[in-house]
């Protein structure tokens, strides 16, 4: 049997003579898988999440099954296992917890939701080490860009780091939407930029069709509140999702092009997915257009909500008290579509950014959080007798709680980025690596 050079990929001039068919089959299969994983970045999504699922973009479960190329262990594929040592801070030791996520303060009767850790299938994910983290980011800065779920992660980080040091508020504005904190002993700054749509947006109607407001979203315009300030940061963690469920008017080139559930005559409903994709595309374009930015951009992937027995404004609640096992649920429907959309746009931006030497990294929290219906505040974000119009919160996460694992992931990624230079710094700084 003979294959000519023109029949082999990449133009390699090779002649294979008398090669067993099974060997050729294996070689060609490996080449095919390499090509597929390059062109289809969603290949490798854990199959337990997408079993029997498909999306409008044409991807099915079969497209998403496989191992992540080039990784010895996929830290994002695994199970939640008991961790009796948790939590590593409490709602009384950390002042950074917003009331709406302070579940223990407001009487949540169970505490088991705090006592789990994430166990990857083929390795261990170390529990967050605050001294390690601060040593690694010494002299650097980190920005959380997105909505209140992104801010939820920043508050978790402050609480986890509190065993070593509390930061000083160095915000340039009293607005809670734009906060900066500095760890003076490490010259490390963290900031949050509240931008729920990632792009320029404004509220057009405070009520709207669902009484949650109607928003004008300018899908091709940068949100200058964060894009003009992000150049100075070493790490940018970008995320968005839940605000796109709200009714929205979509603008491009200054013109109304359609909407999502605006219920206005003669306006085409383009669906939330249209706006979601364009918003991420513009946000990544903003980062890639910054002349002086040399940092690393992380996409923190969509964290599903867990409303049951109704949607958020129709009595839905999250009442489960244990994590799911990976074989008990899978990603599907809206959650799957949002996840795949943002990762596709991330991969496109990554390829574009590579031309400028920019780094993009995927902080893939989706599987882990899909399995945590027990970790939301529900009604434990306020006192029962308070006269407030708050719905059950199955979107944000209790602190302490499963969202702390996002920072386990983050630290592991930063350690990988730091490589050998980080190992040397750890070994030479024993006096600074102390935890209270």
Protein backbone atom coordinates (compact mmCIF):
# COMPACT_ATOMS: atom_id res chain seq x y z
CA UNK A 1 0.00 0.00 0.00
CA UNK A 2 1.40 3.39 -0.95
CA UNK A 3 0.35 6.94 -0.07
CA UNK A 4 1.74 9.74 -2.21
CA UNK A 5 2.96 13.00 -0.69
CA UNK A 6 -0.10 14.84 -1.98
CA UNK A 7 -2.34 12.60 0.12
CA UNK A 8 -0.64 13.48 3.40
CA UNK A 9 -1.58 16.59 5.42
CA UNK A 10 0.77 19.58 5.78
CA UNK A 11 2.58 18.78 2.51
CA UNK A 12 5.10 16.39 4.07
CA UNK A 13 6.92 14.37 1.43
CA UNK A 14 6.69 10.91 2.81
CA UNK A 15 6.21 7.49 1.21
CA UNK A 16 4.86 4.74 3.38
CA UNK A 17 5.47 1.27 2.06
CA UNK A 18 4.10 -1.97 3.41
CA UNK A 19 2.60 -0.23 6.44
CA UNK A 20 -0.13 -2.19 8.22
CA UNK A 21 -3.55 -0.68 7.65
CA UNK A 22 -4.22 -0.32 11.37
CA UNK A 23 -1.12 1.88 11.79
CA UNK A 24 -2.18 4.12 8.94
CA UNK A 25 -5.67 4.33 10.40
CA UNK A 26 -4.30 5.41 13.78
CA UNK A 27 -2.01 8.02 12.20
CA UNK A 28 -4.74 9.51 10.05
CA UNK A 29 -7.16 9.52 12.99
CA UNK A 30 -4.68 11.42 15.16
CA UNK A 31 -4.10 13.95 12.39
CA UNK A 32 -7.84 14.38 11.94
CA UNK A 33 -8.37 14.92 15.68
CA UNK A 34 -5.60 17.51 15.73
CA UNK A 35 -7.20 19.42 12.89
CA UNK A 36 -10.66 19.22 14.45
CA UNK A 37 -9.50 20.45 17.86
CA UNK A 38 -7.74 23.38 16.21
CA UNK A 39 -10.76 24.49 14.21
CA UNK A 40 -13.40 23.59 16.80
CA UNK A 41 -12.28 24.94 20.17
CA UNK A 42 -15.33 23.56 21.95
CA UNK A 43 -14.13 20.01 21.39
CA UNK A 44 -13.17 18.74 24.79
CA UNK A 45 -16.09 20.08 26.79
CA UNK A 46 -16.91 17.46 29.45
CA UNK A 47 -19.38 15.01 27.97
CA UNK A 48 -21.34 14.70 31.22
CA UNK A 49 -22.58 18.25 30.73
CA UNK A 50 -23.68 18.04 27.14
CA UNK A 51 -25.06 14.53 26.86
CA UNK A 52 -27.99 14.46 24.43
CA UNK A 53 -27.64 18.21 23.95
CA UNK A 54 -27.28 20.42 20.91
CA UNK A 55 -27.25 24.12 20.18
CA UNK A 56 -28.52 26.37 17.42
CA UNK A 57 -24.94 26.86 16.19
CA UNK A 58 -24.94 23.23 15.08
CA UNK A 59 -22.71 21.72 17.75
CA UNK A 60 -23.90 18.47 19.30
CA UNK A 61 -22.67 16.35 22.17
CA UNK A 62 -20.50 14.36 19.76
CA UNK A 63 -18.69 17.57 18.78
CA UNK A 64 -17.81 18.30 22.37
CA UNK A 65 -16.49 14.98 23.65
CA UNK A 66 -12.77 14.43 24.07
CA UNK A 67 -9.70 15.34 26.06
CA UNK A 68 -8.33 18.87 26.17
CA UNK A 69 -5.33 18.88 23.84
CA UNK A 70 -1.95 19.30 25.44
CA UNK A 71 -3.10 19.11 29.05
CA UNK A 72 -2.00 16.36 31.39
CA UNK A 73 -4.99 17.01 33.61
CA UNK A 74 -8.16 18.94 32.97
CA UNK A 75 -8.75 20.69 36.28
CA UNK A 76 -12.23 21.74 35.15
CA UNK A 77 -13.63 18.23 34.73
CA UNK A 78 -14.39 16.47 37.99
CA UNK A 79 -16.69 16.08 40.98
CA UNK A 80 -17.39 17.82 44.28
CA UNK A 81 -16.13 15.81 47.26
CA UNK A 82 -16.55 16.45 51.00
CA UNK A 83 -14.08 18.82 52.65
CA UNK A 84 -14.60 18.93 56.43
CA UNK A 85 -11.80 21.51 56.81
CA UNK A 86 -13.75 24.19 54.97
CA UNK A 87 -14.57 27.02 55.12
CA UNK A 88 -11.32 28.96 55.42
CA UNK A 89 -13.01 32.19 56.48
CA UNK A 90 -16.44 33.06 57.86
CA UNK A 91 -18.99 35.79 57.41
CA UNK A 92 -17.79 37.27 60.73
CA UNK A 93 -14.08 37.31 59.85
CA UNK A 94 -14.47 38.90 56.40
CA UNK A 95 -16.04 42.33 55.92
CA UNK A 96 -16.06 42.13 52.11
CA UNK A 97 -19.23 40.04 51.83
CA UNK A 98 -22.22 41.93 50.51
CA UNK A 99 -25.39 41.34 52.48
CA UNK A 100 -27.13 39.68 49.53
CA UNK A 101 -24.48 36.91 49.58
CA UNK A 102 -24.13 36.75 53.37
CA UNK A 103 -26.25 33.64 53.75
CA UNK A 104 -25.22 32.74 57.31
CA UNK A 105 -25.92 36.24 58.61
CA UNK A 106 -29.50 35.98 57.40
CA UNK A 107 -30.26 32.62 58.92
CA UNK A 108 -29.51 29.93 56.39
CA UNK A 109 -30.07 26.84 58.57
CA UNK A 110 -27.63 24.45 56.86
CA UNK A 111 -23.86 24.79 56.52
CA UNK A 112 -22.92 21.76 54.41
CA UNK A 113 -22.82 23.88 51.24
CA UNK A 114 -19.53 25.33 52.52
CA UNK A 115 -17.88 21.95 53.06
CA UNK A 116 -17.06 20.70 49.59
CA UNK A 117 -14.01 20.95 47.38
CA UNK A 118 -13.54 20.37 43.67
CA UNK A 119 -11.72 17.15 42.74
CA UNK A 120 -10.58 16.94 39.09
CA UNK A 121 -10.91 13.50 37.54
CA UNK A 122 -7.20 12.84 37.02
CA UNK A 123 -5.34 15.00 39.53
CA UNK A 124 -5.71 17.19 42.61
CA UNK A 125 -6.62 20.87 42.71
CA UNK A 126 -4.87 22.47 45.70
CA UNK A 127 -6.95 24.45 48.16
CA UNK A 128 -6.35 28.19 47.82
CA UNK A 129 -3.14 29.29 49.53
CA UNK A 130 -3.39 33.05 50.22
CA UNK A 131 0.31 33.54 50.90
CA UNK A 132 1.23 31.80 47.66
CA UNK A 133 -1.24 33.91 45.75
CA UNK A 134 0.03 37.21 47.15
CA UNK A 135 3.63 36.29 46.53
CA UNK A 136 2.82 35.38 42.96
CA UNK A 137 1.05 38.67 42.24
CA UNK A 138 3.51 40.88 44.10
CA UNK A 139 3.82 44.19 42.28
CA UNK A 140 0.97 43.38 39.89
CA UNK A 141 -2.69 44.31 39.37
CA UNK A 142 -5.88 42.42 38.59
CA UNK A 143 -9.23 43.67 37.26
CA UNK A 144 -12.62 41.97 37.37
CA UNK A 145 -14.68 43.22 34.42
CA UNK A 146 -18.34 42.27 34.25
CA UNK A 147 -21.48 42.15 36.36
CA UNK A 148 -22.17 41.46 40.03
CA UNK A 149 -21.28 37.77 39.70
CA UNK A 150 -17.78 38.88 38.73
CA UNK A 151 -17.77 41.17 41.75
CA UNK A 152 -18.90 38.15 43.78
CA UNK A 153 -15.63 36.44 42.80
CA UNK A 154 -13.56 39.48 43.77
CA UNK A 155 -15.20 39.54 47.20
CA UNK A 156 -14.40 35.85 47.58
CA UNK A 157 -10.77 36.62 46.74
CA UNK A 158 -10.59 39.38 49.37
CA UNK A 159 -12.01 36.99 51.96
CA UNK A 160 -9.61 34.20 51.04
CA UNK A 161 -6.64 36.58 51.22
CA UNK A 162 -7.76 37.99 54.57
CA UNK A 163 -5.81 35.31 56.44
CA UNK A 164 -2.65 37.09 55.28
CA UNK A 165 -3.61 40.72 54.75
CA UNK A 166 -6.58 43.00 54.32
CA UNK A 167 -6.46 45.52 51.49
CA UNK A 168 -6.77 49.30 51.69
CA UNK A 169 -9.51 51.03 49.72
CA UNK A 170 -7.81 53.19 47.06
CA UNK A 171 -10.90 53.80 44.93
CA UNK A 172 -10.94 57.01 42.93
CA UNK A 173 -14.75 57.25 43.21
CA UNK A 174 -17.27 56.45 45.97
CA UNK A 175 -19.33 54.44 43.47
CA UNK A 176 -19.56 50.76 44.32
CA UNK A 177 -19.45 49.97 40.60
CA UNK A 178 -15.78 50.91 40.39
CA UNK A 179 -13.74 49.84 43.39
CA UNK A 180 -9.98 49.48 43.86
CA UNK A 181 -8.18 47.79 46.73
CA UNK A 182 -4.46 47.62 47.42
CA UNK A 183 -2.44 45.08 49.40
CA UNK A 184 0.26 47.44 50.59
CA UNK A 185 2.77 44.81 51.71
CA UNK A 186 2.67 43.21 48.28
CA UNK A 187 1.99 46.27 46.09
CA UNK A 188 -0.89 44.29 44.60
CA UNK A 189 -4.04 46.04 43.39
CA UNK A 190 -7.42 44.52 42.57
CA UNK A 191 -10.28 46.40 40.98
CA UNK A 192 -13.81 45.78 39.84
CA UNK A 193 -15.39 47.43 36.80
CA UNK A 194 -19.14 46.92 36.77
CA UNK A 195 -20.25 46.58 33.15
CA UNK A 196 -23.10 44.05 32.90
CA UNK A 197 -23.23 44.16 29.10
CA UNK A 198 -19.46 44.68 28.54
CA UNK A 199 -20.29 47.31 25.92
CA UNK A 200 -21.89 50.76 26.01
CA UNK A 201 -25.42 50.48 27.40
CA UNK A 202 -28.09 52.65 28.98
CA UNK A 203 -31.48 52.08 30.55
CA UNK A 204 -34.23 53.26 28.23
CA UNK A 205 -37.22 52.31 30.38
CA UNK A 206 -37.00 51.53 34.09
CA UNK A 207 -39.94 49.14 33.84
CA UNK A 208 -39.88 47.50 30.42
CA UNK A 209 -41.88 44.42 29.44
CA UNK A 210 -40.81 42.42 32.51
CA UNK A 211 -40.57 45.27 35.05
CA UNK A 212 -36.77 44.80 35.14
CA UNK A 213 -35.96 47.62 32.75
CA UNK A 214 -35.48 47.93 29.01
CA UNK A 215 -31.90 48.63 27.95
CA UNK A 216 -30.31 50.13 24.86
CA UNK A 217 -27.17 48.12 24.08
CA UNK A 218 -24.70 49.53 21.58
CA UNK A 219 -23.19 46.28 20.45
CA UNK A 220 -20.29 47.73 18.47
CA UNK A 221 -19.28 50.49 20.92
CA UNK A 222 -16.75 50.12 23.73
CA UNK A 223 -17.77 50.79 27.32
CA UNK A 224 -15.21 53.48 28.04
CA UNK A 225 -15.74 53.19 31.80
CA UNK A 226 -13.45 50.15 31.70
CA UNK A 227 -11.77 50.13 28.30
CA UNK A 228 -10.01 53.43 29.01
CA UNK A 229 -8.54 52.14 32.27
CA UNK A 230 -7.66 48.53 31.60
CA UNK A 231 -4.27 49.04 29.94
CA UNK A 232 -2.46 49.30 33.26
CA UNK A 233 -3.59 45.90 34.57
CA UNK A 234 -1.57 42.71 34.46
CA UNK A 235 -4.58 40.39 34.68
CA UNK A 236 -8.07 41.05 33.37
CA UNK A 237 -10.88 38.62 34.27
CA UNK A 238 -13.87 39.22 32.01
CA UNK A 239 -17.32 37.70 32.43
CA UNK A 240 -20.97 38.39 31.68
CA UNK A 241 -24.22 36.56 31.25
CA UNK A 242 -27.33 37.03 33.32
CA UNK A 243 -28.14 40.61 32.34
CA UNK A 244 -28.65 39.50 28.74
CA UNK A 245 -31.88 37.79 29.77
CA UNK A 246 -33.43 41.25 30.24
CA UNK A 247 -35.34 43.00 27.45
CA UNK A 248 -32.89 44.90 25.26
CA UNK A 249 -32.74 47.09 22.17
CA UNK A 250 -29.75 46.37 19.94
CA UNK A 251 -27.90 49.17 18.16
CA UNK A 252 -25.08 48.94 15.63
CA UNK A 253 -23.51 51.85 13.77
CA UNK A 254 -25.86 54.08 15.74
CA UNK A 255 -28.94 52.42 14.26
CA UNK A 256 -31.53 50.15 15.84
CA UNK A 257 -31.08 46.69 14.29
CA UNK A 258 -33.35 44.60 16.48
CA UNK A 259 -34.05 43.61 20.04
CA UNK A 260 -34.49 40.86 22.57
CA UNK A 261 -38.01 40.53 23.98
CA UNK A 262 -38.69 44.26 23.61
CA UNK A 263 -42.26 43.57 22.43
CA UNK A 264 -42.22 46.61 20.19
CA UNK A 265 -43.96 46.68 16.84
CA UNK A 266 -41.82 46.59 13.71
CA UNK A 267 -38.66 45.67 15.66
CA UNK A 268 -37.14 42.30 14.83
CA UNK A 269 -36.48 40.03 17.79
CA UNK A 270 -32.89 38.90 17.21
CA UNK A 271 -32.78 36.90 20.49
CA UNK A 272 -30.42 37.33 23.41
CA UNK A 273 -27.79 35.17 21.73
CA UNK A 274 -27.27 37.75 19.02
CA UNK A 275 -26.54 40.47 21.55
CA UNK A 276 -24.42 38.16 23.70
CA UNK A 277 -22.13 37.18 20.84
CA UNK A 278 -21.70 40.72 19.55
CA UNK A 279 -21.04 42.10 23.04
CA UNK A 280 -18.24 39.63 23.71
CA UNK A 281 -16.81 40.24 20.25
CA UNK A 282 -16.67 43.97 20.90
CA UNK A 283 -15.25 43.57 24.40
CA UNK A 284 -12.42 41.37 23.14
CA UNK A 285 -11.85 43.76 20.25
CA UNK A 286 -11.44 46.54 22.80
CA UNK A 287 -8.75 44.58 24.64
CA UNK A 288 -6.92 43.67 21.44
CA UNK A 289 -6.95 47.31 20.33
CA UNK A 290 -5.16 48.63 23.43
CA UNK A 291 -1.68 49.68 22.33
CA UNK A 292 0.02 49.45 25.73
CA UNK A 293 -1.81 46.46 27.20
CA UNK A 294 0.54 43.52 27.79
CA UNK A 295 -1.47 41.62 30.37
CA UNK A 296 -3.27 38.28 30.40
CA UNK A 297 -7.00 38.17 29.68
CA UNK A 298 -9.07 35.47 31.37
CA UNK A 299 -12.58 34.58 30.27
CA UNK A 300 -14.47 33.33 33.30
CA UNK A 301 -17.16 31.23 31.70
CA UNK A 302 -20.88 31.39 32.36
CA UNK A 303 -22.11 30.16 35.74
CA UNK A 304 -25.62 28.65 35.38
CA UNK A 305 -28.42 29.59 37.74
CA UNK A 306 -30.54 26.89 39.38
CA UNK A 307 -34.15 28.05 39.50
CA UNK A 308 -36.67 25.25 39.98
CA UNK A 309 -40.48 25.21 40.06
CA UNK A 310 -40.67 28.46 38.14
CA UNK A 311 -38.47 31.16 36.67
CA UNK A 312 -36.91 33.91 38.78
CA UNK A 313 -39.98 36.19 38.84
CA UNK A 314 -42.60 33.45 39.03
CA UNK A 315 -41.75 31.79 42.32
CA UNK A 316 -38.65 29.89 41.19
CA UNK A 317 -36.25 28.90 43.95
CA UNK A 318 -33.08 26.89 44.59
CA UNK A 319 -33.78 24.59 47.48
CA UNK A 320 -31.34 21.71 46.97
CA UNK A 321 -28.87 21.05 49.77
CA UNK A 322 -26.24 18.89 48.06
CA UNK A 323 -24.15 19.16 44.90
CA UNK A 324 -25.10 17.14 41.87
CA UNK A 325 -22.89 14.29 40.75
CA UNK A 326 -21.65 14.73 37.20
CA UNK A 327 -23.97 11.98 35.93
CA UNK A 328 -27.06 13.64 37.42
CA UNK A 329 -27.23 16.69 35.16
CA UNK A 330 -25.81 18.11 31.96
CA UNK A 331 -25.50 21.45 30.25
CA UNK A 332 -28.31 22.12 27.81
CA UNK A 333 -30.59 24.73 26.33
CA UNK A 334 -29.86 28.36 27.10
CA UNK A 335 -26.90 27.61 29.36
CA UNK A 336 -25.21 25.51 26.71
CA UNK A 337 -25.81 28.14 24.04
CA UNK A 338 -24.38 30.95 26.17
CA UNK A 339 -21.34 28.91 27.13
CA UNK A 340 -20.56 27.91 23.56
CA UNK A 341 -21.10 31.42 22.25
CA UNK A 342 -18.67 33.05 24.64
CA UNK A 343 -16.00 30.38 24.14
CA UNK A 344 -16.24 30.67 20.36
CA UNK A 345 -15.74 34.44 20.60
CA UNK A 346 -12.93 33.91 23.09
CA UNK A 347 -11.08 31.59 20.70
CA UNK A 348 -11.45 34.07 17.85
CA UNK A 349 -10.09 36.88 20.03
CA UNK A 350 -7.27 34.66 21.22
CA UNK A 351 -6.14 34.06 17.64
CA UNK A 352 -6.30 37.78 16.91
CA UNK A 353 -4.49 38.71 20.12
CA UNK A 354 -1.71 36.23 19.39
CA UNK A 355 -0.65 38.47 16.50
CA UNK A 356 0.25 41.10 19.10
CA UNK A 357 1.70 38.67 21.59
CA UNK A 358 -1.29 38.93 23.94
CA UNK A 359 -2.26 36.01 26.15
CA UNK A 360 -5.79 34.68 26.62
CA UNK A 361 -6.71 32.03 29.16
CA UNK A 362 -9.99 30.15 29.77
CA UNK A 363 -11.15 30.12 33.40
CA UNK A 364 -13.75 27.44 32.74
CA UNK A 365 -16.02 27.40 35.78
CA UNK A 366 -19.17 26.19 34.02
CA UNK A 367 -19.08 22.47 34.80
CA UNK A 368 -18.19 22.93 38.45
CA UNK A 369 -20.95 25.47 39.01
CA UNK A 370 -23.58 23.55 37.08
CA UNK A 371 -23.17 20.91 39.78
CA UNK A 372 -23.76 23.32 42.70
CA UNK A 373 -27.50 24.06 43.01
CA UNK A 374 -26.99 24.19 46.77
CA UNK A 375 -24.66 27.20 46.79
CA UNK A 376 -27.03 30.13 46.10
CA UNK A 377 -28.42 32.62 48.65
CA UNK A 378 -32.05 31.87 47.72
CA UNK A 379 -34.04 33.90 50.28
CA UNK A 380 -31.13 34.21 52.74
CA UNK A 381 -29.94 37.62 51.56
CA UNK A 382 -32.24 39.60 53.82
CA UNK A 383 -34.35 39.15 56.95
CA UNK A 384 -37.73 37.50 56.39
CA UNK A 385 -39.59 40.40 58.00
CA UNK A 386 -37.95 43.07 55.83
CA UNK A 387 -40.26 44.81 53.38
CA UNK A 388 -38.13 44.33 50.28
CA UNK A 389 -39.03 43.33 46.76
CA UNK A 390 -36.24 40.80 46.25
CA UNK A 391 -36.74 37.55 44.44
CA UNK A 392 -35.08 34.30 45.43
CA UNK A 393 -31.45 34.63 44.38
CA UNK A 394 -30.34 31.55 42.46
CA UNK A 395 -27.78 33.50 40.41
CA UNK A 396 -25.18 34.76 42.92
CA UNK A 397 -23.29 32.58 45.38
CA UNK A 398 -23.12 32.44 49.17
CA UNK A 399 -19.84 33.47 50.79
CA UNK A 400 -18.18 31.35 51.99
CA UNK A 401 -19.32 28.91 49.33
CA UNK A 402 -18.62 27.17 46.03
CA UNK A 403 -17.51 30.38 44.29
CA UNK A 404 -14.33 30.26 46.38
CA UNK A 405 -13.26 27.42 44.09
CA UNK A 406 -13.02 29.91 41.21
CA UNK A 407 -10.02 31.33 42.99
CA UNK A 408 -8.58 27.83 43.48
CA UNK A 409 -8.72 27.60 39.68
CA UNK A 410 -7.28 31.08 39.27
CA UNK A 411 -4.31 30.44 41.54
CA UNK A 412 -3.50 27.19 39.76
CA UNK A 413 -3.53 29.02 36.43
CA UNK A 414 -1.31 31.81 37.74
CA UNK A 415 1.15 29.27 39.10
CA UNK A 416 1.33 27.74 35.65
CA UNK A 417 1.95 31.17 34.12
CA UNK A 418 4.67 31.91 36.68
CA UNK A 419 6.49 28.64 36.03
CA UNK A 420 9.99 28.17 37.39
CA UNK A 421 10.43 31.83 38.31
CA UNK A 422 7.50 31.49 40.72
CA UNK A 423 9.03 28.36 42.29
CA UNK A 424 12.25 30.28 42.93
CA UNK A 425 10.36 33.18 44.50
CA UNK A 426 8.52 30.83 46.85
CA UNK A 427 11.70 29.15 48.02
CA UNK A 428 13.42 32.49 48.61
CA UNK A 429 10.61 34.14 50.56
CA UNK A 430 9.82 31.80 53.44
CA UNK A 431 9.61 34.71 55.86
CA UNK A 432 6.83 36.29 53.82
CA UNK A 433 4.80 33.14 53.26
CA UNK A 434 2.91 33.15 56.51
CA UNK A 435 -0.79 32.61 57.07
CA UNK A 436 -2.54 33.94 60.12
